[in-house]
Amino acid sequence: MPNWRDGPPNEIWPRYFAKYRPDPRSVQTLMLRLHSAGQHEHVISAIQSALINGQSQPWMYEVLALSMEIAGRPRDDIERVVMSMTDFGAADYGNMMYSAAYLARFDRREASLRLYRQASRLAPERPEPYLLGLRHARHLRSADDVQWAACGILKYAWTRDYAELHHEAENAALEAEQWLRRAGDDA
């Protein structure tokens, strides 16, 4: 395994992963060492090089997104990495919810809301996508998304605090109705 001190990240890692196929555990150990040393540009380059050379592992996307955030990379680039997390394996409910929450952390509300909607298609009876999506829909002032989330809450949110959740969903729907009326959309 090369040493990160051997040169710039964009020279070391593409060359290394194009030539070698290290075992997954040694790659994990290397990423941990680089991260602990604060070498986030090396982490980014090494993971991207591994991915490009067909040596992907599911954890790489999360570590890549985190390293990109620490390194101050553009939010759109981080969003693409997070979206790739959901593409890597089978699209499952937990992965969708996790990725949506991760995107929300970066204030990527539109992308987060899209993933919450996808998660609700995978498990329509689960109230979480609707509950979490409603906040984003209201913030974005998206009447269609408020309708989706409010209807989902009214249909599937039956926890102890259901009365409060249903009241919030009804208020959000009324608020969306007002947005539409102000925009001249009485239908």
C-alpha atoms as a PDB file:
ATOM      1  CA  MET A   1       0.000   0.000   0.000  1.00  0.00           C
ATOM      2  CA  PRO A   2       1.457   3.396  -0.857  1.00  0.00           C
ATOM      3  CA  ASN A   3       2.065   6.038   1.765  1.00  0.00           C
ATOM      4  CA  TRP A   4       0.054   9.256   1.475  1.00  0.00           C
ATOM      5  CA  ARG A   5       3.297  11.185   1.820  1.00  0.00           C
ATOM      6  CA  ASP A   6       4.492   9.731  -1.521  1.00  0.00           C
ATOM      7  CA  GLY A   7       2.793  12.453  -3.550  1.00  0.00           C
ATOM      8  CA  PRO A   8      -0.433  14.260  -4.356  1.00  0.00           C
ATOM      9  CA  PRO A   9      -3.652  12.245  -3.915  1.00  0.00           C
ATOM     10  CA  ASN A  10      -4.662  12.531  -7.583  1.00  0.00           C
ATOM     11  CA  GLU A  11      -1.419  10.814  -8.605  1.00  0.00           C
ATOM     12  CA  ILE A  12      -1.018   8.132  -5.942  1.00  0.00           C
ATOM     13  CA  TRP A  13      -4.476   6.552  -5.714  1.00  0.00           C
ATOM     14  CA  PRO A  14      -5.614   6.323  -9.348  1.00  0.00           C
ATOM     15  CA  ARG A  15      -2.339   4.633 -10.236  1.00  0.00           C
ATOM     16  CA  TYR A  16      -2.482   2.292  -7.211  1.00  0.00           C
ATOM     17  CA  PHE A  17      -6.084   1.096  -7.668  1.00  0.00           C
ATOM     18  CA  ALA A  18      -5.605   0.704 -11.431  1.00  0.00           C
ATOM     19  CA  LYS A  19      -2.681  -1.658 -10.800  1.00  0.00           C
ATOM     20  CA  TYR A  20      -3.663  -3.494  -7.575  1.00  0.00           C
ATOM     21  CA  ARG A  21      -6.759  -5.110  -6.082  1.00  0.00           C
ATOM     22  CA  PRO A  22      -6.149  -4.983  -2.316  1.00  0.00           C
ATOM     23  CA  ASP A  23      -8.367  -6.995  -0.014  1.00  0.00           C
ATOM     24  CA  PRO A  24     -11.342  -5.021   1.367  1.00  0.00           C
ATOM     25  CA  ARG A  25     -10.132  -5.104   4.976  1.00  0.00           C
ATOM     26  CA  SER A  26      -6.800  -3.487   4.085  1.00  0.00           C
ATOM     27  CA  VAL A  27      -8.656  -0.744   2.190  1.00  0.00           C
ATOM     28  CA  GLN A  28     -10.822  -0.103   5.269  1.00  0.00           C
ATOM     29  CA  THR A  29      -7.725   0.083   7.463  1.00  0.00           C
ATOM     30  CA  LEU A  30      -6.063   2.480   5.033  1.00  0.00           C
ATOM     31  CA  MET A  31      -9.117   4.779   4.962  1.00  0.00           C
ATOM     32  CA  LEU A  32      -9.228   4.810   8.754  1.00  0.00           C
ATOM     33  CA  ARG A  33      -5.530   5.728   8.907  1.00  0.00           C
ATOM     34  CA  LEU A  34      -5.930   8.487   6.332  1.00  0.00           C
ATOM     35  CA  HIS A  35      -9.030   9.856   8.056  1.00  0.00           C
ATOM     36  CA  SER A  36      -7.320   9.809  11.474  1.00  0.00           C
ATOM     37  CA  ALA A  37      -4.364  11.683   9.972  1.00  0.00           C
ATOM     38  CA  GLY A  38      -6.733  14.350   8.611  1.00  0.00           C
ATOM     39  CA  GLN A  39      -5.851  13.461   5.019  1.00  0.00           C
ATOM     40  CA  HIS A  40      -9.355  13.886   3.619  1.00  0.00           C
ATOM     41  CA  GLU A  41      -8.223  14.699   0.083  1.00  0.00           C
ATOM     42  CA  HIS A  42      -6.358  11.373   0.085  1.00  0.00           C
ATOM     43  CA  VAL A  43      -9.475   9.583   1.390  1.00  0.00           C
ATOM     44  CA  ILE A  44     -11.553  11.171  -1.372  1.00  0.00           C
ATOM     45  CA  SER A  45      -9.067  10.310  -4.112  1.00  0.00           C
ATOM     46  CA  ALA A  46      -8.490   6.769  -2.824  1.00  0.00           C
ATOM     47  CA  ILE A  47     -12.189   5.933  -2.592  1.00  0.00           C
ATOM     48  CA  GLN A  48     -12.996   7.502  -5.955  1.00  0.00           C
ATOM     49  CA  SER A  49     -10.121   5.563  -7.509  1.00  0.00           C
ATOM     50  CA  ALA A  50     -11.310   2.306  -5.946  1.00  0.00           C
ATOM     51  CA  LEU A  51     -14.851   2.938  -7.230  1.00  0.00           C
ATOM     52  CA  ILE A  52     -13.633   3.786 -10.739  1.00  0.00           C
ATOM     53  CA  ASN A  53     -11.582   0.591 -10.804  1.00  0.00           C
ATOM     54  CA  GLY A  54     -14.478  -1.646  -9.798  1.00  0.00           C
ATOM     55  CA  GLN A  55     -13.408  -2.150  -6.186  1.00  0.00           C
ATOM     56  CA  SER A  56     -16.441  -0.665  -4.475  1.00  0.00           C
ATOM     57  CA  GLN A  57     -17.685  -1.519  -1.011  1.00  0.00           C
ATOM     58  CA  PRO A  58     -20.976  -0.253   0.474  1.00  0.00           C
ATOM     59  CA  TRP A  59     -19.313   1.776   3.270  1.00  0.00           C
ATOM     60  CA  MET A  60     -17.267   3.776   0.770  1.00  0.00           C
ATOM     61  CA  TYR A  61     -20.104   6.106  -0.203  1.00  0.00           C
ATOM     62  CA  GLU A  62     -20.761   7.239   3.349  1.00  0.00           C
ATOM     63  CA  VAL A  63     -17.061   7.759   4.088  1.00  0.00           C
ATOM     64  CA  LEU A  64     -16.632   9.571   0.777  1.00  0.00           C
ATOM     65  CA  ALA A  65     -19.559  11.911   1.511  1.00  0.00           C
ATOM     66  CA  LEU A  66     -18.268  12.625   5.016  1.00  0.00           C
ATOM     67  CA  SER A  67     -14.727  13.298   3.781  1.00  0.00           C
ATOM     68  CA  MET A  68     -16.070  15.553   1.043  1.00  0.00           C
ATOM     69  CA  GLU A  69     -18.061  17.497   3.628  1.00  0.00           C
ATOM     70  CA  ILE A  70     -15.007  17.901   5.861  1.00  0.00           C
ATOM     71  CA  ALA A  71     -12.881  18.962   2.864  1.00  0.00           C
ATOM     72  CA  GLY A  72     -15.460  21.597   1.921  1.00  0.00           C
ATOM     73  CA  ARG A  73     -16.449  20.097  -1.418  1.00  0.00           C
ATOM     74  CA  PRO A  74     -19.546  21.452  -3.218  1.00  0.00           C
ATOM     75  CA  ARG A  75     -22.874  20.282  -1.826  1.00  0.00           C
ATOM     76  CA  ASP A  76     -24.039  19.079  -5.254  1.00  0.00           C
ATOM     77  CA  ASP A  77     -21.073  16.706  -5.396  1.00  0.00           C
ATOM     78  CA  ILE A  78     -21.857  15.394  -1.920  1.00  0.00           C
ATOM     79  CA  GLU A  79     -25.503  14.921  -2.920  1.00  0.00           C
ATOM     80  CA  ARG A  80     -24.470  12.799  -5.905  1.00  0.00           C
ATOM     81  CA  VAL A  81     -22.404  10.574  -3.609  1.00  0.00           C
ATOM     82  CA  VAL A  82     -25.288  10.184  -1.163  1.00  0.00           C
ATOM     83  CA  MET A  83     -27.660   9.352  -4.005  1.00  0.00           C
ATOM     84  CA  SER A  84     -25.163   6.719  -5.136  1.00  0.00           C
ATOM     85  CA  MET A  85     -25.484   5.098  -1.704  1.00  0.00           C
ATOM     86  CA  THR A  86     -29.051   4.180  -2.573  1.00  0.00           C
ATOM     87  CA  ASP A  87     -28.015   2.924  -6.005  1.00  0.00           C
ATOM     88  CA  PHE A  88     -25.187   0.720  -4.737  1.00  0.00           C
ATOM     89  CA  GLY A  89     -27.201  -2.088  -3.243  1.00  0.00           C
ATOM     90  CA  ALA A  90     -30.763  -3.167  -3.444  1.00  0.00           C
ATOM     91  CA  ALA A  91     -33.024  -0.211  -2.937  1.00  0.00           C
ATOM     92  CA  ASP A  92     -34.465  -0.878   0.476  1.00  0.00           C
ATOM     93  CA  TYR A  93     -36.539   1.150   2.881  1.00  0.00           C
ATOM     94  CA  GLY A  94     -33.817   1.596   5.497  1.00  0.00           C
ATOM     95  CA  ASN A  95     -31.240   2.716   2.967  1.00  0.00           C
ATOM     96  CA  MET A  96     -33.664   5.219   1.450  1.00  0.00           C
ATOM     97  CA  MET A  97     -34.549   6.666   4.852  1.00  0.00           C
ATOM     98  CA  TYR A  98     -30.912   6.889   5.891  1.00  0.00           C
ATOM     99  CA  SER A  99     -29.905   8.590   2.656  1.00  0.00           C
ATOM    100  CA  ALA A 100     -32.826  11.018   2.876  1.00  0.00           C
ATOM    101  CA  ALA A 101     -31.824  12.001   6.407  1.00  0.00           C
ATOM    102  CA  TYR A 102     -28.213  12.385   5.279  1.00  0.00           C
ATOM    103  CA  LEU A 103     -29.276  14.717   2.472  1.00  0.00           C
ATOM    104  CA  ALA A 104     -31.464  16.707   4.864  1.00  0.00           C
ATOM    105  CA  ARG A 105     -28.364  17.232   6.981  1.00  0.00           C
ATOM    106  CA  PHE A 106     -26.835  19.036   3.986  1.00  0.00           C
ATOM    107  CA  ASP A 107     -30.054  21.047   3.534  1.00  0.00           C
ATOM    108  CA  ARG A 108     -30.811  19.234   0.278  1.00  0.00           C
ATOM    109  CA  ARG A 109     -34.552  19.240   0.912  1.00  0.00           C
ATOM    110  CA  GLU A 110     -35.701  18.464  -2.627  1.00  0.00           C
ATOM    111  CA  ALA A 111     -33.469  15.403  -2.908  1.00  0.00           C
ATOM    112  CA  SER A 112     -34.339  14.314   0.615  1.00  0.00           C
ATOM    113  CA  LEU A 113     -38.046  14.613  -0.136  1.00  0.00           C
ATOM    114  CA  ARG A 114     -37.657  12.539  -3.320  1.00  0.00           C
ATOM    115  CA  LEU A 115     -36.058   9.751  -1.283  1.00  0.00           C
ATOM    116  CA  TYR A 116     -38.770   9.917   1.384  1.00  0.00           C
ATOM    117  CA  ARG A 117     -41.358   9.538  -1.370  1.00  0.00           C
ATOM    118  CA  GLN A 118     -39.455   6.547  -2.795  1.00  0.00           C
ATOM    119  CA  ALA A 119     -39.243   5.002   0.677  1.00  0.00           C
ATOM    120  CA  SER A 120     -42.996   5.393   1.068  1.00  0.00           C
ATOM    121  CA  ARG A 121     -43.512   3.428  -2.146  1.00  0.00           C
ATOM    122  CA  LEU A 122     -41.363   0.609  -0.750  1.00  0.00           C
ATOM    123  CA  ALA A 123     -43.188   0.552   2.602  1.00  0.00           C
ATOM    124  CA  PRO A 124     -46.383   2.598   2.265  1.00  0.00           C
ATOM    125  CA  GLU A 125     -47.664   1.570   5.698  1.00  0.00           C
ATOM    126  CA  ARG A 126     -44.685   3.118   7.519  1.00  0.00           C
ATOM    127  CA  PRO A 127     -45.456   6.654   8.779  1.00  0.00           C
ATOM    128  CA  GLU A 128     -41.855   7.906   8.980  1.00  0.00           C
ATOM    129  CA  PRO A 129     -41.407   9.012   5.344  1.00  0.00           C
ATOM    130  CA  TYR A 130     -44.598  11.067   5.527  1.00  0.00           C
ATOM    131  CA  LEU A 131     -43.756  12.579   8.903  1.00  0.00           C
ATOM    132  CA  LEU A 132     -40.241  13.547   7.917  1.00  0.00           C
ATOM    133  CA  GLY A 133     -41.240  14.572   4.408  1.00  0.00           C
ATOM    134  CA  LEU A 134     -43.958  16.952   5.603  1.00  0.00           C
ATOM    135  CA  ARG A 135     -41.424  19.365   7.111  1.00  0.00           C
ATOM    136  CA  HIS A 136     -39.518  19.544   3.837  1.00  0.00           C
ATOM    137  CA  ALA A 137     -42.674  19.880   1.766  1.00  0.00           C
ATOM    138  CA  ARG A 138     -43.850  22.799   3.898  1.00  0.00           C
ATOM    139  CA  HIS A 139     -40.459  24.467   3.773  1.00  0.00           C
ATOM    140  CA  LEU A 140     -40.380  24.108  -0.027  1.00  0.00           C
ATOM    141  CA  ARG A 141     -44.005  25.264  -0.265  1.00  0.00           C
ATOM    142  CA  SER A 142     -44.801  22.302  -2.479  1.00  0.00           C
ATOM    143  CA  ALA A 143     -48.542  21.690  -2.407  1.00  0.00           C
ATOM    144  CA  ASP A 144     -48.254  18.292  -4.134  1.00  0.00           C
ATOM    145  CA  ASP A 145     -45.696  17.075  -1.615  1.00  0.00           C
ATOM    146  CA  VAL A 146     -47.732  18.420   1.303  1.00  0.00           C
ATOM    147  CA  GLN A 147     -50.744  16.524  -0.045  1.00  0.00           C
ATOM    148  CA  TRP A 148     -48.708  13.309  -0.277  1.00  0.00           C
ATOM    149  CA  ALA A 149     -47.272  13.678   3.225  1.00  0.00           C
ATOM    150  CA  ALA A 150     -50.503  14.819   4.899  1.00  0.00           C
ATOM    151  CA  CYS A 151     -52.519  11.979   3.358  1.00  0.00           C
ATOM    152  CA  GLY A 152     -49.854   9.471   4.393  1.00  0.00           C
ATOM    153  CA  ILE A 153     -49.887  10.767   7.956  1.00  0.00           C
ATOM    154  CA  LEU A 154     -53.671  10.664   8.183  1.00  0.00           C
ATOM    155  CA  LYS A 155     -53.730   7.140   6.828  1.00  0.00           C
ATOM    156  CA  TYR A 156     -50.702   5.534   8.516  1.00  0.00           C
ATOM    157  CA  ALA A 157     -49.633   7.545  11.588  1.00  0.00           C
ATOM    158  CA  TRP A 158     -51.395   5.877  14.493  1.00  0.00           C
ATOM    159  CA  THR A 159     -48.850   6.183  17.275  1.00  0.00           C
ATOM    160  CA  ARG A 160     -49.691   7.508  20.750  1.00  0.00           C
ATOM    161  CA  ASP A 161     -49.401  11.083  19.545  1.00  0.00           C
ATOM    162  CA  TYR A 162     -51.539  10.480  16.455  1.00  0.00           C
ATOM    163  CA  ALA A 163     -54.009  13.288  17.309  1.00  0.00           C
ATOM    164  CA  GLU A 164     -51.205  15.867  17.298  1.00  0.00           C
ATOM    165  CA  LEU A 165     -49.692  14.430  14.094  1.00  0.00           C
ATOM    166  CA  HIS A 166     -53.063  14.401  12.345  1.00  0.00           C
ATOM    167  CA  HIS A 167     -53.718  17.986  13.451  1.00  0.00           C
ATOM    168  CA  GLU A 168     -50.354  19.049  12.016  1.00  0.00           C
ATOM    169  CA  ALA A 169     -51.106  17.237   8.731  1.00  0.00           C
ATOM    170  CA  GLU A 170     -54.502  18.932   8.469  1.00  0.00           C
ATOM    171  CA  ASN A 171     -52.941  22.339   9.154  1.00  0.00           C
ATOM    172  CA  ALA A 172     -50.301  21.722   6.502  1.00  0.00           C
ATOM    173  CA  ALA A 173     -52.987  20.785   3.969  1.00  0.00           C
ATOM    174  CA  LEU A 174     -54.935  23.979   4.766  1.00  0.00           C
ATOM    175  CA  GLU A 175     -51.749  25.993   4.441  1.00  0.00           C
ATOM    176  CA  ALA A 176     -51.043  24.422   1.031  1.00  0.00           C
ATOM    177  CA  GLU A 177     -54.595  25.208  -0.029  1.00  0.00           C
ATOM    178  CA  GLN A 178     -53.966  28.862   0.849  1.00  0.00           C
ATOM    179  CA  TRP A 179     -50.746  28.883  -1.213  1.00  0.00           C
ATOM    180  CA  LEU A 180     -52.655  27.566  -4.207  1.00  0.00           C
ATOM    181  CA  ARG A 181     -55.539  30.053  -3.817  1.00  0.00           C
ATOM    182  CA  ARG A 182     -53.088  32.968  -3.549  1.00  0.00           C
ATOM    183  CA  ALA A 183     -51.454  31.728  -6.758  1.00  0.00           C
ATOM    184  CA  GLY A 184     -54.864  31.761  -8.460  1.00  0.00           C
ATOM    185  CA  ASP A 185     -55.294  27.971  -8.489  1.00  0.00           C
ATOM    186  CA  ASP A 186     -58.798  27.571  -7.053  1.00  0.00           C
ATOM    187  CA  ALA A 187     -59.209  24.055  -8.467  1.00  0.00           C
END
